[in-house]
């Protein structure tokens, strides 16, 4: 079966090169890997001590960041090597300050795995949440490198739990310890013979809780809000925006709206703005304007949403009307803001839990959106109770990073 796995990886590599001719994203995927070994040879000396972290994409990187920061504190003389599989992670965080070297992970062939690990020679290796690359794991096991899975999630549909998944189960022997998010994952991994596992929780809670300790001030948001109640719409998609725009157009004049779309392409922003009848300003055109004169502020740039949530009275988090589903609800929750989402959230444990607790409200249509936003704006006790639930949820679930660090040698 491992032969078939390696054959599939080789075939995939070939077809990705062809697909790169037609897809900018796949071109980044293939072009970005061409110079990885040259970069590693330049950045890492044979005498260097290193620790390796691998993330599939941006979300996993953010999830692993609290552990990376703690490891960096514990091993200040080691170089931190961060790898990404996806361009959506690498291209956004390639200039991060926590790692000494950040590169794409070469495709999981035998020769790539051997060469990569020879150049990096990590003393410790961490995989965030998932991404089980068999050749890399085999080489880590052969070299007896302590290897850890951080914030892991195991589900029944994964290869490890199929009758034909023996070669995948064998690869898990590379892990020194599994730090998983929930009891269900622990039970599943124990059922196939692995008992080096602990429910540590989700390091994302530590990540978002740390947001409270930094300066989240944005003067231009303060000017726009001007002490009025504000509804922050984060990571919205067109289906979200159609509902939100209709609500905005009939909302009370003293309510402000801040929209940070998932897609900030010019045509997308123009389409959104055209649906709104109230006075609207874009981030890109705010210079020299009195922002308090506007009802709606569209953030046509990236990197500000987390801080903007700190100004919200209510948060609407987008993605719940599409696949794979809603975006990050933990960031608004950490500020103690009631959250409204669309119906597609069942694949996200934190959303399912917060809906069950009552801090997160699910809507399926414009009538439900209006009903719930109106009540949150009008009923102070209702809003404060939802706020308390969200904030308590974050506080009750932090601590995964310390659990991990107490075990990692």
Foldseek 3Di string as FASTA:
>chain_A
DVVVVQVVLVVVLVVLVVVVVPDVFSVCLNVQPPCVLVVLLVQFDQPAAEEEEEEAAQVLCLQCVVLLVVVCVVCVRHAYEYEYNGCNHCVVCQPPDSGSHYGHQPGLHLVSLVSVCSSRVYQEYEYEADDQRQNNLVVLQVVVRAYEYAQHDDDCPDLCNDPPSPSSLVSVVSHPAYAHADPVRQVVNVVSPDNRYDDLHTSSLVSLLCVVVDDLDDVLLCQQLVVFAEEEEEQADPVRLLLVQVCQQPDDPRYAYEYEHVDLPPVRVVVSVVSHPFFEDEPVPCPPDRNNVGRYYYDSDDDNRLSSLLRHQAYEFYACVHPPHTDDPLSNLQSLHQYEYENNDVVPVVQVVLVVLPLYHYDHHSVVVNVVVVCCVPPVVSGNVSSVSSNVSSVVRHRSSVVVVVPDD
